[in-house]
């Protein structure tokens, strides 16, 4: 019996060495290796390669040295945007202030770690599934805030509407709706948007240079195909 078992083992080893295992098994082994290989870089902003999760597109984090502070939260936390977006946003704030409108930055650049908390921890607190949470907050790695081009804006005269759909009834939103385009900002998530993300009248993104436009190219293509009059 011992000799028989030893013979079987030797035959198996010989089969592996000379490659006479059935092709199906060899293919399965190769495929299993593929599944555990490190994922390739899928951060490209071209429409054919940008990954999507729950309607959100993948984005890379802006480098720290490309960010500029636009405001500080009450706890001292610095709200930042990329340099070009920051400059344009601050000009927009000044223009609004000249007309008696108080635009307030609520959130700007976020790291993936910060987004991880907002997505998973808040989902647990609110008993939300990932798909439910994704309607109101992007998964880490999929937030426009990672880019340094997106900013959440509130009305300093009406803080009770912050991060609420009721923000679109404030004078600050009405001003943004008419004037944000002059400063190269656009609303990211319109009502009934094709991404399936909740309407966010407070969430604006900068598209005023080649890099920012390319970053959001797929989003704009999808949005405009569903809203051709925009």
Protein backbone atom coordinates (compact mmCIF):
# COMPACT_ATOMS: atom_id res chain seq x y z
CA UNK A 1 0.00 0.00 0.00
CA UNK A 2 2.82 2.38 0.92
CA UNK A 3 4.57 1.74 -2.41
CA UNK A 4 1.32 2.40 -4.30
CA UNK A 5 0.80 5.76 -2.61
CA UNK A 6 4.40 6.71 -3.26
CA UNK A 7 3.99 5.83 -6.94
CA UNK A 8 0.89 8.03 -7.26
CA UNK A 9 2.72 10.98 -5.69
CA UNK A 10 5.65 10.52 -8.06
CA UNK A 11 3.32 10.41 -11.06
CA UNK A 12 1.60 13.64 -9.99
CA UNK A 13 4.92 15.38 -9.52
CA UNK A 14 6.13 14.12 -12.88
CA UNK A 15 2.96 15.31 -14.57
CA UNK A 16 3.44 18.83 -13.15
CA UNK A 17 7.08 18.88 -14.18
CA UNK A 18 6.49 17.96 -17.84
CA UNK A 19 3.21 19.84 -18.21
CA UNK A 20 0.85 16.93 -18.93
CA UNK A 21 -1.81 18.08 -16.50
CA UNK A 22 -5.16 18.70 -18.26
CA UNK A 23 -5.33 22.15 -19.84
CA UNK A 24 -8.45 23.00 -17.86
CA UNK A 25 -6.65 22.57 -14.54
CA UNK A 26 -3.61 24.52 -15.70
CA UNK A 27 -5.86 27.31 -16.89
CA UNK A 28 -7.64 27.37 -13.53
CA UNK A 29 -4.31 27.65 -11.72
CA UNK A 30 -3.27 30.53 -13.97
CA UNK A 31 -6.58 32.27 -13.42
CA UNK A 32 -6.31 31.85 -9.65
CA UNK A 33 -2.93 33.56 -9.76
CA UNK A 34 -4.48 36.44 -11.66
CA UNK A 35 -7.11 36.95 -8.98
CA UNK A 36 -4.55 37.44 -6.24
CA UNK A 37 -2.18 39.63 -8.25
CA UNK A 38 -2.01 43.26 -7.09
CA UNK A 39 -4.59 45.36 -8.98
CA UNK A 40 -3.24 47.53 -11.75
CA UNK A 41 -3.62 51.30 -11.60
CA UNK A 42 -7.21 52.06 -12.62
CA UNK A 43 -7.15 55.74 -11.79
CA UNK A 44 -7.17 56.88 -15.40
CA UNK A 45 -9.75 59.52 -16.12
CA UNK A 46 -10.53 58.25 -19.62
CA UNK A 47 -14.15 57.05 -20.05
CA UNK A 48 -13.11 53.49 -20.95
CA UNK A 49 -11.02 52.87 -17.83
CA UNK A 50 -12.48 54.78 -14.89
CA UNK A 51 -13.94 52.30 -12.39
CA UNK A 52 -17.38 52.94 -10.91
CA UNK A 53 -18.84 51.90 -7.56
CA UNK A 54 -22.51 52.50 -6.71
CA UNK A 55 -22.60 55.23 -9.37
CA UNK A 56 -19.47 57.00 -8.10
CA UNK A 57 -16.31 57.32 -10.17
CA UNK A 58 -12.84 56.59 -8.81
CA UNK A 59 -10.51 59.48 -8.04
CA UNK A 60 -6.94 59.82 -6.81
CA UNK A 61 -6.03 62.06 -3.89
CA UNK A 62 -4.62 65.47 -4.73
CA UNK A 63 -1.01 65.84 -3.54
CA UNK A 64 -0.66 67.86 -0.35
CA UNK A 65 1.67 70.38 -1.97
CA UNK A 66 -1.00 71.24 -4.54
CA UNK A 67 -3.56 72.32 -1.93
CA UNK A 68 -4.35 75.80 -0.62
CA UNK A 69 -6.41 76.71 2.45
CA UNK A 70 -9.68 78.49 1.65
CA UNK A 71 -11.27 78.52 5.11
CA UNK A 72 -11.06 77.09 8.62
CA UNK A 73 -13.77 75.22 10.47
CA UNK A 74 -14.71 76.19 14.02
CA UNK A 75 -12.38 73.51 15.38
CA UNK A 76 -9.47 74.90 13.36
CA UNK A 77 -9.59 72.23 10.65
CA UNK A 78 -8.24 73.69 7.41
CA UNK A 79 -10.55 73.41 4.41
CA UNK A 80 -8.45 73.15 1.26
CA UNK A 81 -8.74 73.03 -2.52
CA UNK A 82 -6.20 72.72 -5.31
CA UNK A 83 -4.51 76.01 -6.06
CA UNK A 84 -6.47 76.92 -9.19
CA UNK A 85 -9.80 75.93 -7.63
CA UNK A 86 -8.94 77.77 -4.39
CA UNK A 87 -8.09 80.98 -6.20
CA UNK A 88 -11.31 80.87 -8.19
CA UNK A 89 -13.41 79.94 -5.15
CA UNK A 90 -12.04 82.84 -3.09
CA UNK A 91 -12.77 85.23 -5.96
CA UNK A 92 -16.32 83.86 -6.07
CA UNK A 93 -16.74 84.40 -2.33
CA UNK A 94 -15.62 88.02 -2.69
CA UNK A 95 -18.00 88.62 -5.59
CA UNK A 96 -20.89 87.15 -3.61
CA UNK A 97 -19.99 89.18 -0.53
CA UNK A 98 -20.10 92.36 -2.61
CA UNK A 99 -23.76 91.54 -3.29
CA UNK A 100 -24.56 90.74 0.33
CA UNK A 101 -24.27 86.96 0.00
CA UNK A 102 -22.24 85.01 2.56
CA UNK A 103 -20.87 81.84 0.96
CA UNK A 104 -19.34 79.48 3.51
CA UNK A 105 -17.06 76.55 2.72
CA UNK A 106 -18.19 73.49 4.69
CA UNK A 107 -15.88 70.86 3.23
CA UNK A 108 -13.17 70.71 0.59
CA UNK A 109 -10.38 68.20 0.02
CA UNK A 110 -10.72 64.89 1.89
CA UNK A 111 -8.30 62.02 2.20
CA UNK A 112 -9.43 58.47 1.53
CA UNK A 113 -9.07 57.77 5.25
CA UNK A 114 -11.45 60.61 6.12
CA UNK A 115 -13.88 59.35 3.50
CA UNK A 116 -13.61 55.82 4.91
CA UNK A 117 -14.97 57.08 8.23
CA UNK A 118 -17.76 59.08 6.59
CA UNK A 119 -18.82 56.08 4.54
CA UNK A 120 -18.45 53.05 6.80
CA UNK A 121 -18.78 54.47 10.30
CA UNK A 122 -21.77 56.69 9.52
CA UNK A 123 -23.39 53.78 7.67
CA UNK A 124 -23.08 51.67 10.83
CA UNK A 125 -24.48 54.44 12.98
CA UNK A 126 -27.46 54.88 10.66
CA UNK A 127 -27.95 51.18 9.95
CA UNK A 128 -27.42 51.73 6.21
CA UNK A 129 -26.30 49.18 3.64
CA UNK A 130 -23.36 50.21 1.41
CA UNK A 131 -25.71 50.86 -1.52
CA UNK A 132 -27.96 53.02 0.66
CA UNK A 133 -25.01 54.93 2.05
CA UNK A 134 -23.62 55.47 -1.45
CA UNK A 135 -26.69 57.49 -2.38
CA UNK A 136 -25.56 60.21 0.01
CA UNK A 137 -21.81 59.63 0.42
CA UNK A 138 -19.17 58.16 -1.88
CA UNK A 139 -17.11 55.13 -0.85
CA UNK A 140 -13.45 55.87 -0.04
CA UNK A 141 -11.51 56.28 -3.26
CA UNK A 142 -14.63 57.40 -5.11
CA UNK A 143 -15.29 60.89 -3.77
CA UNK A 144 -14.89 64.05 -5.81
CA UNK A 145 -13.48 65.59 -2.63
CA UNK A 146 -10.31 63.51 -3.08
CA UNK A 147 -9.45 65.56 -6.16
CA UNK A 148 -9.21 68.89 -4.37
CA UNK A 149 -11.62 70.37 -6.91
CA UNK A 150 -14.91 69.82 -5.03
CA UNK A 151 -16.32 72.03 -2.30
CA UNK A 152 -19.47 71.89 -0.19
CA UNK A 153 -20.93 75.37 0.17
CA UNK A 154 -23.37 76.75 2.73
CA UNK A 155 -25.21 80.00 3.37
CA UNK A 156 -23.68 81.91 6.27
CA UNK A 157 -27.02 83.61 6.87
CA UNK A 158 -28.91 80.31 6.99
CA UNK A 159 -26.68 77.57 8.45
CA UNK A 160 -29.67 75.36 9.17
CA UNK A 161 -29.73 74.44 5.49
CA UNK A 162 -26.14 73.19 5.41
CA UNK A 163 -25.80 69.84 3.59
CA UNK A 164 -29.55 69.77 3.05
CA UNK A 165 -31.68 69.81 -0.08
CA UNK A 166 -33.35 72.91 1.40
CA UNK A 167 -30.13 74.79 0.61
CA UNK A 168 -31.53 75.30 -2.88
CA UNK A 169 -34.10 77.68 -1.39
CA UNK A 170 -31.46 80.02 0.02
CA UNK A 171 -30.21 83.23 -1.53
CA UNK A 172 -26.71 81.72 -1.53
CA UNK A 173 -27.79 78.87 -3.81
CA UNK A 174 -29.74 81.20 -6.06
CA UNK A 175 -26.64 83.35 -6.40
CA UNK A 176 -24.48 80.30 -7.18
CA UNK A 177 -26.96 79.05 -9.74
CA UNK A 178 -26.61 82.32 -11.65
CA UNK A 179 -22.95 83.10 -11.07
CA UNK A 180 -20.89 79.99 -10.28
CA UNK A 181 -20.19 79.33 -13.94
CA UNK A 182 -18.31 82.65 -14.15
CA UNK A 183 -15.82 81.16 -11.70
CA UNK A 184 -15.73 77.75 -13.42
CA UNK A 185 -17.80 75.90 -10.81
CA UNK A 186 -20.70 73.61 -11.61
CA UNK A 187 -23.17 71.56 -9.58
CA UNK A 188 -22.06 67.92 -9.48
CA UNK A 189 -25.26 66.07 -8.59
CA UNK A 190 -28.42 67.43 -10.18
CA UNK A 191 -31.90 66.11 -9.32
CA UNK A 192 -32.44 62.65 -10.82
CA UNK A 193 -28.83 62.48 -12.00
CA UNK A 194 -27.80 59.39 -14.04
CA UNK A 195 -25.31 58.32 -11.37
CA UNK A 196 -28.16 57.66 -8.96
CA UNK A 197 -26.62 59.93 -6.31
CA UNK A 198 -28.88 62.03 -4.12
CA UNK A 199 -29.44 65.61 -5.26
CA UNK A 200 -26.79 67.78 -3.57
CA UNK A 201 -27.33 71.50 -4.17
CA UNK A 202 -24.40 72.28 -1.85
CA UNK A 203 -21.77 70.23 -3.75
CA UNK A 204 -19.89 72.17 -6.45
CA UNK A 205 -16.82 71.23 -8.50
CA UNK A 206 -14.22 73.28 -10.32
CA UNK A 207 -13.74 72.66 -14.05
CA UNK A 208 -11.67 75.71 -14.94
CA UNK A 209 -8.47 74.15 -16.27
CA UNK A 210 -7.34 71.19 -18.34
CA UNK A 211 -6.64 68.92 -15.39
CA UNK A 212 -9.93 69.50 -13.60
CA UNK A 213 -11.91 69.12 -16.82
CA UNK A 214 -10.14 65.84 -17.62
CA UNK A 215 -10.68 64.63 -14.06
CA UNK A 216 -14.45 64.92 -14.39
CA UNK A 217 -14.68 64.11 -18.11
CA UNK A 218 -16.51 60.81 -17.70
CA UNK A 219 -18.93 62.32 -15.19
CA UNK A 220 -19.72 65.20 -17.54
CA UNK A 221 -20.15 62.86 -20.51
CA UNK A 222 -22.63 60.69 -18.62
CA UNK A 223 -24.48 63.67 -17.17
CA UNK A 224 -24.73 65.57 -20.45
CA UNK A 225 -25.89 62.50 -22.38
CA UNK A 226 -28.87 62.30 -20.03
CA UNK A 227 -29.37 66.09 -19.89
CA UNK A 228 -28.54 67.27 -23.43
CA UNK A 229 -29.92 70.76 -22.83
CA UNK A 230 -27.48 71.50 -20.02
